[in-house]
Amino acid sequence: MSLESWKNIYYPTSADTVTTQAEAIAHSLLKWSGLKPEVLTEHGVERCLDSLRVITEDENTFRAAAGDTCALCWIDLEATATDKCHSCSLFESRGNVSCLSKTPSETTPPYLAYIEGGDPEPMLIELRKAQAWVEARDKPWIATDPENPCREWRETGQHCLRCPYTTVCNE
């Protein structure tokens, strides 16, 4: 096993090739699942902050936990180069808190749990939450309850074109 075998399984395509938030989350889940210590050991690679390297060949490194290999970061950069993270579904699902920052209920941000301690599980948990959040966000919703109208109605008092009150709305 090697760094190349690790990449073949856990990073088979480059982060800059994904085009949707759902694809980016799936790409990230696969990559982060490969950062578990037992997986790294199986492939004969070690963690060095945000990089992986072959244990015997320090010059052969791969920045596995860096923004340039994060599909969510790539999509976010495409969406808005000046507002880093603000269009990232992980950021949105965490209540507008980036993976580099902690929420009020966290002692360590999920990304730093890996960088500082080698634990990918907090990122995997947050990515699974983001995946569920995106699926719920993209699920069609029927606006039939006048007490619970769609977001457009709540914000403007008018229904959006996708939701003339009794039709499907992708809120």
N, C-alpha and C. Protein backbone atom coordinates (compact mmCIF):
# COMPACT_ATOMS: atom_id res chain seq x y z
N MET A 1 0.84 -1.18 0.00
CA MET A 1 0.00 0.00 0.00
C MET A 1 0.89 1.25 0.00
N SER A 2 0.28 2.36 -0.41
CA SER A 2 1.07 3.56 -0.57
C SER A 2 0.16 4.79 -0.55
N LEU A 3 0.78 5.95 -0.67
CA LEU A 3 0.00 7.18 -0.80
C LEU A 3 -0.86 7.12 -2.06
N GLU A 4 -0.34 6.55 -3.11
CA GLU A 4 -1.11 6.42 -4.35
C GLU A 4 -2.31 5.49 -4.17
N SER A 5 -2.13 4.41 -3.42
CA SER A 5 -3.27 3.51 -3.17
C SER A 5 -4.32 4.22 -2.33
N TRP A 6 -3.86 5.04 -1.37
CA TRP A 6 -4.80 5.83 -0.57
C TRP A 6 -5.59 6.78 -1.47
N LYS A 7 -4.89 7.50 -2.33
CA LYS A 7 -5.55 8.45 -3.23
C LYS A 7 -6.51 7.75 -4.19
N ASN A 8 -6.14 6.58 -4.68
CA ASN A 8 -7.03 5.84 -5.59
C ASN A 8 -8.36 5.52 -4.94
N ILE A 9 -8.36 5.26 -3.65
CA ILE A 9 -9.60 4.90 -2.95
C ILE A 9 -10.31 6.13 -2.38
N TYR A 10 -9.59 7.01 -1.70
CA TYR A 10 -10.22 8.08 -0.93
C TYR A 10 -10.19 9.46 -1.60
N TYR A 11 -9.45 9.58 -2.67
CA TYR A 11 -9.38 10.85 -3.40
C TYR A 11 -9.23 10.54 -4.89
N PRO A 12 -10.21 9.81 -5.46
CA PRO A 12 -10.07 9.37 -6.85
C PRO A 12 -10.22 10.48 -7.88
N THR A 13 -10.86 11.58 -7.52
CA THR A 13 -10.98 12.73 -8.42
C THR A 13 -10.58 13.99 -7.69
N SER A 14 -10.08 14.93 -8.42
CA SER A 14 -9.65 16.20 -7.84
C SER A 14 -10.84 17.00 -7.34
N ALA A 15 -10.64 17.75 -6.27
CA ALA A 15 -11.71 18.56 -5.66
C ALA A 15 -12.27 19.58 -6.64
N ASP A 16 -11.45 20.05 -7.55
CA ASP A 16 -11.92 21.10 -8.47
C ASP A 16 -12.78 20.56 -9.62
N THR A 17 -13.09 19.26 -9.59
CA THR A 17 -13.91 18.69 -10.67
C THR A 17 -15.38 18.56 -10.29
N VAL A 18 -15.72 18.71 -9.01
CA VAL A 18 -17.12 18.58 -8.59
C VAL A 18 -17.87 19.86 -8.91
N THR A 19 -19.17 19.74 -9.13
CA THR A 19 -19.94 20.91 -9.57
C THR A 19 -21.11 21.29 -8.68
N THR A 20 -21.52 20.41 -7.78
CA THR A 20 -22.66 20.73 -6.92
C THR A 20 -22.27 20.58 -5.45
N GLN A 21 -23.05 21.21 -4.57
CA GLN A 21 -22.80 21.07 -3.14
C GLN A 21 -22.94 19.61 -2.70
N ALA A 22 -23.95 18.91 -3.24
CA ALA A 22 -24.15 17.50 -2.87
C ALA A 22 -22.94 16.66 -3.28
N GLU A 23 -22.41 16.88 -4.48
CA GLU A 23 -21.22 16.16 -4.92
C GLU A 23 -20.01 16.52 -4.07
N ALA A 24 -19.91 17.78 -3.70
CA ALA A 24 -18.79 18.24 -2.88
C ALA A 24 -18.81 17.59 -1.50
N ILE A 25 -19.99 17.46 -0.93
CA ILE A 25 -20.09 16.81 0.38
C ILE A 25 -19.72 15.34 0.26
N ALA A 26 -20.21 14.66 -0.77
CA ALA A 26 -19.87 13.24 -0.97
C ALA A 26 -18.37 13.08 -1.16
N HIS A 27 -17.76 13.96 -1.95
CA HIS A 27 -16.31 13.93 -2.17
C HIS A 27 -15.58 14.11 -0.84
N SER A 28 -16.03 15.07 -0.05
CA SER A 28 -15.40 15.35 1.24
C SER A 28 -15.58 14.21 2.23
N LEU A 29 -16.76 13.61 2.26
CA LEU A 29 -16.99 12.47 3.15
C LEU A 29 -16.04 11.32 2.82
N LEU A 30 -15.85 11.06 1.55
CA LEU A 30 -14.94 9.99 1.14
C LEU A 30 -13.52 10.31 1.58
N LYS A 31 -13.08 11.53 1.30
CA LYS A 31 -11.71 11.92 1.65
C LYS A 31 -11.50 11.86 3.16
N TRP A 32 -12.41 12.43 3.94
CA TRP A 32 -12.25 12.46 5.39
C TRP A 32 -12.35 11.07 6.00
N SER A 33 -13.13 10.17 5.41
CA SER A 33 -13.19 8.80 5.93
C SER A 33 -11.83 8.10 5.75
N GLY A 34 -11.08 8.53 4.77
CA GLY A 34 -9.74 7.99 4.55
C GLY A 34 -8.68 8.57 5.47
N LEU A 35 -9.05 9.56 6.27
CA LEU A 35 -8.08 10.18 7.18
C LEU A 35 -8.11 9.56 8.58
N LYS A 36 -8.90 8.50 8.75
CA LYS A 36 -8.90 7.80 10.03
C LYS A 36 -7.54 7.15 10.23
N PRO A 37 -7.01 7.16 11.45
CA PRO A 37 -5.67 6.62 11.69
C PRO A 37 -5.46 5.20 11.19
N GLU A 38 -6.47 4.34 11.37
CA GLU A 38 -6.31 2.95 10.94
C GLU A 38 -6.21 2.83 9.42
N VAL A 39 -6.88 3.72 8.71
CA VAL A 39 -6.81 3.71 7.24
C VAL A 39 -5.42 4.17 6.79
N LEU A 40 -4.93 5.22 7.42
CA LEU A 40 -3.60 5.73 7.07
C LEU A 40 -2.54 4.65 7.31
N THR A 41 -2.64 3.99 8.45
CA THR A 41 -1.69 2.93 8.77
C THR A 41 -1.75 1.81 7.74
N GLU A 42 -2.97 1.45 7.35
CA GLU A 42 -3.16 0.38 6.36
C GLU A 42 -2.45 0.71 5.04
N HIS A 43 -2.41 1.99 4.69
CA HIS A 43 -1.79 2.40 3.43
C HIS A 43 -0.33 2.82 3.59
N GLY A 44 0.18 2.76 4.82
CA GLY A 44 1.58 3.11 5.05
C GLY A 44 1.86 4.58 4.91
N VAL A 45 0.87 5.41 5.24
CA VAL A 45 1.08 6.86 5.21
C VAL A 45 0.84 7.43 6.60
N GLU A 46 1.39 8.59 6.85
CA GLU A 46 1.21 9.24 8.13
C GLU A 46 0.70 10.65 7.94
N ARG A 47 0.07 11.15 8.97
CA ARG A 47 -0.45 12.53 8.97
C ARG A 47 0.66 13.47 9.44
N CYS A 48 0.77 14.59 8.77
CA CYS A 48 1.69 15.64 9.18
C CYS A 48 0.93 16.95 9.01
N LEU A 49 0.23 17.39 10.06
CA LEU A 49 -0.67 18.54 10.03
C LEU A 49 -1.75 18.34 8.98
N ASP A 50 -1.71 19.10 7.86
CA ASP A 50 -2.76 18.94 6.84
C ASP A 50 -2.32 18.04 5.69
N SER A 51 -1.16 17.42 5.83
CA SER A 51 -0.61 16.61 4.74
C SER A 51 -0.50 15.14 5.12
N LEU A 52 -0.48 14.32 4.09
CA LEU A 52 -0.18 12.90 4.26
C LEU A 52 1.14 12.65 3.56
N ARG A 53 1.92 11.77 4.12
CA ARG A 53 3.18 11.42 3.46
C ARG A 53 3.49 9.95 3.68
N VAL A 54 4.23 9.40 2.76
CA VAL A 54 4.68 8.01 2.90
C VAL A 54 5.68 8.00 4.05
N ILE A 55 5.54 7.05 4.93
CA ILE A 55 6.34 7.03 6.15
C ILE A 55 7.84 7.07 5.86
N THR A 56 8.28 6.40 4.82
CA THR A 56 9.71 6.34 4.53
C THR A 56 10.17 7.39 3.52
N GLU A 57 9.27 8.11 2.91
CA GLU A 57 9.64 9.10 1.88
C GLU A 57 8.99 10.44 2.17
N ASP A 58 9.63 11.26 3.00
CA ASP A 58 9.04 12.52 3.42
C ASP A 58 8.78 13.49 2.28
N GLU A 59 9.50 13.35 1.17
CA GLU A 59 9.31 14.30 0.07
C GLU A 59 8.02 14.04 -0.71
N ASN A 60 7.41 12.88 -0.56
CA ASN A 60 6.19 12.54 -1.26
C ASN A 60 5.00 12.86 -0.36
N THR A 61 4.47 14.09 -0.47
CA THR A 61 3.37 14.50 0.39
C THR A 61 2.15 14.87 -0.43
N PHE A 62 1.01 14.86 0.24
CA PHE A 62 -0.27 15.22 -0.35
C PHE A 62 -1.05 15.99 0.70
N ARG A 63 -1.46 17.18 0.38
CA ARG A 63 -2.18 18.03 1.34
C ARG A 63 -3.65 17.61 1.41
N ALA A 64 -3.91 16.53 2.10
CA ALA A 64 -5.25 15.93 2.13
C ALA A 64 -6.26 16.77 2.89
N ALA A 65 -5.83 17.49 3.90
CA ALA A 65 -6.77 18.26 4.72
C ALA A 65 -6.53 19.76 4.53
N ALA A 66 -6.41 20.17 3.30
CA ALA A 66 -6.18 21.58 3.00
C ALA A 66 -7.26 22.09 2.06
N GLY A 67 -7.41 23.40 2.01
CA GLY A 67 -8.45 23.99 1.18
C GLY A 67 -8.34 23.64 -0.30
N ASP A 68 -7.12 23.45 -0.79
CA ASP A 68 -6.97 23.14 -2.21
C ASP A 68 -7.38 21.72 -2.56
N THR A 69 -7.63 20.87 -1.55
CA THR A 69 -8.16 19.53 -1.82
C THR A 69 -9.57 19.35 -1.27
N CYS A 70 -10.19 20.46 -0.88
CA CYS A 70 -11.56 20.41 -0.35
C CYS A 70 -12.55 20.82 -1.44
N ALA A 71 -13.41 19.91 -1.82
CA ALA A 71 -14.40 20.20 -2.87
C ALA A 71 -15.35 21.30 -2.46
N LEU A 72 -15.71 21.36 -1.17
CA LEU A 72 -16.59 22.44 -0.69
C LEU A 72 -15.90 23.80 -0.82
N CYS A 73 -14.62 23.84 -0.53
CA CYS A 73 -13.87 25.10 -0.68
C CYS A 73 -13.80 25.51 -2.15
N TRP A 74 -13.60 24.54 -3.04
CA TRP A 74 -13.53 24.86 -4.47
C TRP A 74 -14.84 25.44 -4.97
N ILE A 75 -15.96 24.83 -4.59
CA ILE A 75 -17.26 25.35 -5.02
C ILE A 75 -17.48 26.73 -4.43
N ASP A 76 -17.10 26.91 -3.18
CA ASP A 76 -17.26 28.20 -2.53
C ASP A 76 -16.43 29.27 -3.23
N LEU A 77 -15.20 28.93 -3.61
CA LEU A 77 -14.35 29.90 -4.31
C LEU A 77 -14.93 30.26 -5.67
N GLU A 78 -15.54 29.27 -6.33
CA GLU A 78 -16.18 29.55 -7.61
C GLU A 78 -17.38 30.47 -7.42
N ALA A 79 -18.11 30.27 -6.33
CA ALA A 79 -19.33 31.04 -6.10
C ALA A 79 -19.01 32.48 -5.74
N THR A 80 -18.04 32.68 -4.90
CA THR A 80 -17.73 34.03 -4.45
C THR A 80 -16.31 34.11 -3.91
N ALA A 81 -15.45 34.69 -4.65
CA ALA A 81 -14.05 34.74 -4.26
C ALA A 81 -13.80 35.69 -3.09
N THR A 82 -14.71 36.63 -2.85
CA THR A 82 -14.48 37.61 -1.80
C THR A 82 -15.12 37.24 -0.47
N ASP A 83 -16.01 36.28 -0.45
CA ASP A 83 -16.75 35.94 0.76
C ASP A 83 -16.49 34.49 1.14
N LYS A 84 -15.25 34.16 1.43
CA LYS A 84 -14.84 32.78 1.71
C LYS A 84 -15.76 32.12 2.73
N CYS A 85 -16.17 30.94 2.42
CA CYS A 85 -17.00 30.05 3.25
C CYS A 85 -18.49 30.38 3.25
N HIS A 86 -18.89 31.58 2.93
CA HIS A 86 -20.29 31.95 3.11
C HIS A 86 -21.28 31.26 2.18
N SER A 87 -20.82 30.62 1.12
CA SER A 87 -21.75 29.85 0.29
C SER A 87 -21.51 28.35 0.45
N CYS A 88 -20.71 27.97 1.41
CA CYS A 88 -20.40 26.56 1.69
C CYS A 88 -21.55 25.94 2.47
N SER A 89 -22.01 24.79 2.03
CA SER A 89 -23.13 24.15 2.73
C SER A 89 -22.73 23.66 4.12
N LEU A 90 -21.46 23.36 4.34
CA LEU A 90 -21.01 23.00 5.68
C LEU A 90 -21.12 24.22 6.60
N PHE A 91 -20.68 25.37 6.11
CA PHE A 91 -20.80 26.63 6.84
C PHE A 91 -22.26 26.92 7.18
N GLU A 92 -23.14 26.78 6.19
CA GLU A 92 -24.55 27.06 6.39
C GLU A 92 -25.19 26.08 7.36
N SER A 93 -24.86 24.80 7.24
CA SER A 93 -25.47 23.80 8.12
C SER A 93 -24.98 23.93 9.56
N ARG A 94 -23.85 24.59 9.76
CA ARG A 94 -23.31 24.81 11.10
C ARG A 94 -23.77 26.15 11.68
N GLY A 95 -24.79 26.73 11.09
CA GLY A 95 -25.30 28.01 11.59
C GLY A 95 -24.41 29.17 11.25
N ASN A 96 -23.84 29.14 10.04
CA ASN A 96 -22.93 30.18 9.55
C ASN A 96 -21.63 30.26 10.35
N VAL A 97 -21.13 29.08 10.67
CA VAL A 97 -19.85 28.95 11.36
C VAL A 97 -18.98 28.03 10.51
N SER A 98 -17.77 28.46 10.18
CA SER A 98 -16.89 27.66 9.33
C SER A 98 -16.33 26.47 10.10
N CYS A 99 -15.75 25.55 9.38
CA CYS A 99 -15.14 24.37 10.02
C CYS A 99 -13.88 24.75 10.79
N LEU A 100 -13.37 25.95 10.56
CA LEU A 100 -12.20 26.45 11.28
C LEU A 100 -12.56 27.16 12.58
N SER A 101 -13.85 27.40 12.79
CA SER A 101 -14.32 28.09 13.99
C SER A 101 -15.20 27.16 14.79
N LYS A 102 -15.30 27.42 16.07
CA LYS A 102 -16.14 26.56 16.89
C LYS A 102 -17.50 27.18 17.12
N THR A 103 -18.50 26.32 17.20
CA THR A 103 -19.84 26.74 17.56
C THR A 103 -19.85 26.88 19.09
N PRO A 104 -20.89 27.50 19.64
CA PRO A 104 -20.95 27.63 21.11
C PRO A 104 -20.90 26.30 21.85
N SER A 105 -21.33 25.23 21.21
CA SER A 105 -21.34 23.92 21.89
C SER A 105 -20.05 23.13 21.69
N GLU A 106 -19.11 23.64 20.93
CA GLU A 106 -17.86 22.92 20.65
C GLU A 106 -16.70 23.47 21.47
N THR A 107 -15.79 22.58 21.82
CA THR A 107 -14.56 23.03 22.48
C THR A 107 -13.44 23.23 21.46
N THR A 108 -13.52 22.50 20.35
CA THR A 108 -12.54 22.60 19.28
C THR A 108 -13.26 22.56 17.94
N PRO A 109 -12.91 23.44 17.01
CA PRO A 109 -13.52 23.37 15.67
C PRO A 109 -13.21 22.03 15.03
N PRO A 110 -14.12 21.50 14.21
CA PRO A 110 -13.90 20.17 13.64
C PRO A 110 -12.63 20.04 12.79
N TYR A 111 -12.32 21.06 12.02
CA TYR A 111 -11.10 21.00 11.21
C TYR A 111 -9.86 20.94 12.09
N LEU A 112 -9.84 21.76 13.14
CA LEU A 112 -8.68 21.78 14.03
C LEU A 112 -8.56 20.51 14.86
N ALA A 113 -9.67 19.81 15.08
CA ALA A 113 -9.60 18.52 15.79
C ALA A 113 -8.70 17.56 15.00
N TYR A 114 -8.74 17.69 13.68
CA TYR A 114 -7.86 16.85 12.85
C TYR A 114 -6.45 17.41 12.79
N ILE A 115 -6.32 18.68 12.51
CA ILE A 115 -4.99 19.28 12.35
C ILE A 115 -4.19 19.17 13.64
N GLU A 116 -4.84 19.45 14.77
CA GLU A 116 -4.12 19.45 16.04
C GLU A 116 -4.05 18.08 16.70
N GLY A 117 -5.05 17.24 16.46
CA GLY A 117 -5.09 15.97 17.18
C GLY A 117 -5.23 14.72 16.33
N GLY A 118 -5.38 14.88 15.01
CA GLY A 118 -5.47 13.72 14.14
C GLY A 118 -6.82 13.02 14.15
N ASP A 119 -7.86 13.69 14.66
CA ASP A 119 -9.17 13.06 14.75
C ASP A 119 -10.09 13.57 13.64
N PRO A 120 -10.37 12.75 12.61
CA PRO A 120 -11.24 13.20 11.53
C PRO A 120 -12.73 13.08 11.86
N GLU A 121 -13.07 12.43 12.97
CA GLU A 121 -14.48 12.16 13.27
C GLU A 121 -15.33 13.43 13.41
N PRO A 122 -14.86 14.49 14.06
CA PRO A 122 -15.70 15.71 14.12
C PRO A 122 -16.03 16.27 12.73
N MET A 123 -15.09 16.21 11.79
CA MET A 123 -15.38 16.67 10.43
C MET A 123 -16.37 15.73 9.76
N LEU A 124 -16.22 14.44 9.96
CA LEU A 124 -17.15 13.48 9.37
C LEU A 124 -18.57 13.69 9.92
N ILE A 125 -18.68 13.95 11.21
CA ILE A 125 -20.00 14.22 11.81
C ILE A 125 -20.62 15.46 11.18
N GLU A 126 -19.84 16.51 11.07
CA GLU A 126 -20.36 17.77 10.51
C GLU A 126 -20.69 17.62 9.02
N LEU A 127 -19.91 16.85 8.30
CA LEU A 127 -20.20 16.62 6.88
C LEU A 127 -21.49 15.82 6.71
N ARG A 128 -21.72 14.84 7.58
CA ARG A 128 -22.98 14.09 7.52
C ARG A 128 -24.17 15.00 7.82
N LYS A 129 -24.01 15.90 8.79
CA LYS A 129 -25.07 16.87 9.10
C LYS A 129 -25.31 17.78 7.90
N ALA A 130 -24.24 18.22 7.27
CA ALA A 130 -24.37 19.08 6.09
C ALA A 130 -25.06 18.35 4.95
N GLN A 131 -24.74 17.07 4.80
CA GLN A 131 -25.38 16.27 3.75
C GLN A 131 -26.89 16.19 4.00
N ALA A 132 -27.30 15.94 5.23
CA ALA A 132 -28.72 15.88 5.57
C ALA A 132 -29.37 17.25 5.38
N TRP A 133 -28.65 18.31 5.73
CA TRP A 133 -29.16 19.66 5.60
C TRP A 133 -29.41 20.00 4.13
N VAL A 134 -28.46 19.65 3.25
CA VAL A 134 -28.61 19.91 1.81
C VAL A 134 -29.77 19.10 1.25
N GLU A 135 -29.87 17.84 1.65
CA GLU A 135 -30.98 17.01 1.17
C GLU A 135 -32.32 17.58 1.59
N ALA A 136 -32.43 18.05 2.83
CA ALA A 136 -33.69 18.65 3.31
C ALA A 136 -33.96 19.97 2.60
N ARG A 137 -32.91 20.75 2.38
CA ARG A 137 -33.07 22.04 1.71
C ARG A 137 -33.55 21.87 0.28
N ASP A 138 -33.05 20.85 -0.39
CA ASP A 138 -33.37 20.64 -1.80
C ASP A 138 -34.64 19.81 -2.02
N LYS A 139 -35.22 19.32 -0.94
CA LYS A 139 -36.42 18.50 -1.06
C LYS A 139 -37.63 19.39 -1.35
N PRO A 140 -38.45 19.02 -2.31
CA PRO A 140 -39.65 19.82 -2.58
C PRO A 140 -40.53 19.91 -1.34
N TRP A 141 -41.16 21.04 -1.18
CA TRP A 141 -41.98 21.33 -0.02
C TRP A 141 -43.31 21.89 -0.50
N ILE A 142 -44.40 21.45 0.09
CA ILE A 142 -45.71 21.93 -0.30
C ILE A 142 -46.14 23.04 0.66
N ALA A 143 -46.40 24.19 0.12
CA ALA A 143 -46.84 25.33 0.94
C ALA A 143 -48.36 25.39 0.92
N THR A 144 -48.99 24.77 1.90
CA THR A 144 -50.45 24.78 1.94
C THR A 144 -50.96 25.32 3.26
N ASP A 145 -50.10 25.56 4.20
CA ASP A 145 -50.50 26.01 5.53
C ASP A 145 -50.30 27.52 5.65
N PRO A 146 -51.37 28.30 5.78
CA PRO A 146 -51.21 29.75 5.88
C PRO A 146 -50.43 30.18 7.12
N GLU A 147 -50.38 29.32 8.14
CA GLU A 147 -49.61 29.64 9.33
C GLU A 147 -48.13 29.31 9.18
N ASN A 148 -47.76 28.57 8.12
CA ASN A 148 -46.38 28.17 7.90
C ASN A 148 -46.04 28.33 6.42
N PRO A 149 -46.04 29.55 5.92
CA PRO A 149 -45.77 29.77 4.49
C PRO A 149 -44.29 29.60 4.16
N CYS A 150 -44.01 29.64 2.87
CA CYS A 150 -42.63 29.48 2.42
C CYS A 150 -41.77 30.68 2.85
N ARG A 151 -40.46 30.53 2.72
CA ARG A 151 -39.52 31.57 3.14
C ARG A 151 -39.79 32.88 2.41
N GLU A 152 -40.07 32.82 1.12
CA GLU A 152 -40.33 34.04 0.34
C GLU A 152 -41.50 34.82 0.96
N TRP A 153 -42.54 34.09 1.32
CA TRP A 153 -43.71 34.74 1.92
C TRP A 153 -43.35 35.32 3.28
N ARG A 154 -42.59 34.59 4.07
CA ARG A 154 -42.21 35.08 5.40
C ARG A 154 -41.36 36.34 5.29
N GLU A 155 -40.49 36.40 4.29
CA GLU A 155 -39.58 37.54 4.18
C GLU A 155 -40.17 38.73 3.44
N THR A 156 -41.03 38.49 2.44
CA THR A 156 -41.52 39.60 1.60
C THR A 156 -43.03 39.78 1.62
N GLY A 157 -43.73 38.77 2.14
CA GLY A 157 -45.19 38.85 2.10
C GLY A 157 -45.77 38.44 0.75
N GLN A 158 -44.91 38.01 -0.16
CA GLN A 158 -45.35 37.55 -1.48
C GLN A 158 -44.76 36.17 -1.75
N HIS A 159 -45.50 35.34 -2.46
CA HIS A 159 -45.00 34.02 -2.78
C HIS A 159 -44.03 34.08 -3.95
N CYS A 160 -43.06 33.20 -3.90
CA CYS A 160 -42.11 33.12 -5.00
C CYS A 160 -42.79 32.46 -6.21
N LEU A 161 -42.17 32.59 -7.35
CA LEU A 161 -42.74 32.02 -8.57
C LEU A 161 -42.81 30.51 -8.52
N ARG A 162 -41.90 29.89 -7.76
CA ARG A 162 -41.91 28.44 -7.66
C ARG A 162 -43.04 27.94 -6.77
N CYS A 163 -43.65 28.83 -6.00
CA CYS A 163 -44.58 28.40 -4.97
C CYS A 163 -45.79 29.32 -4.90
N PRO A 164 -46.66 29.29 -5.88
CA PRO A 164 -47.85 30.14 -5.78
C PRO A 164 -48.83 29.54 -4.78
N TYR A 165 -48.35 29.34 -3.58
CA TYR A 165 -49.06 28.91 -2.39
C TYR A 165 -49.44 27.44 -2.32
N THR A 166 -49.93 26.82 -3.35
CA THR A 166 -50.32 25.42 -3.22
C THR A 166 -49.54 24.51 -4.15
N THR A 167 -48.46 24.97 -4.71
CA THR A 167 -47.66 24.11 -5.59
C THR A 167 -46.34 23.79 -4.93
N VAL A 168 -45.55 22.97 -5.56
CA VAL A 168 -44.27 22.54 -5.01
C VAL A 168 -43.29 23.71 -4.96
N CYS A 169 -42.62 23.82 -3.85
CA CYS A 169 -41.61 24.86 -3.66
C CYS A 169 -40.31 24.20 -3.23
N ASN A 170 -39.21 24.56 -3.81
CA ASN A 170 -37.91 24.02 -3.42
C ASN A 170 -37.23 24.98 -2.44
N GLU A 171 -37.91 25.28 -1.36
CA GLU A 171 -37.37 26.23 -0.39
C GLU A 171 -36.05 25.75 0.16
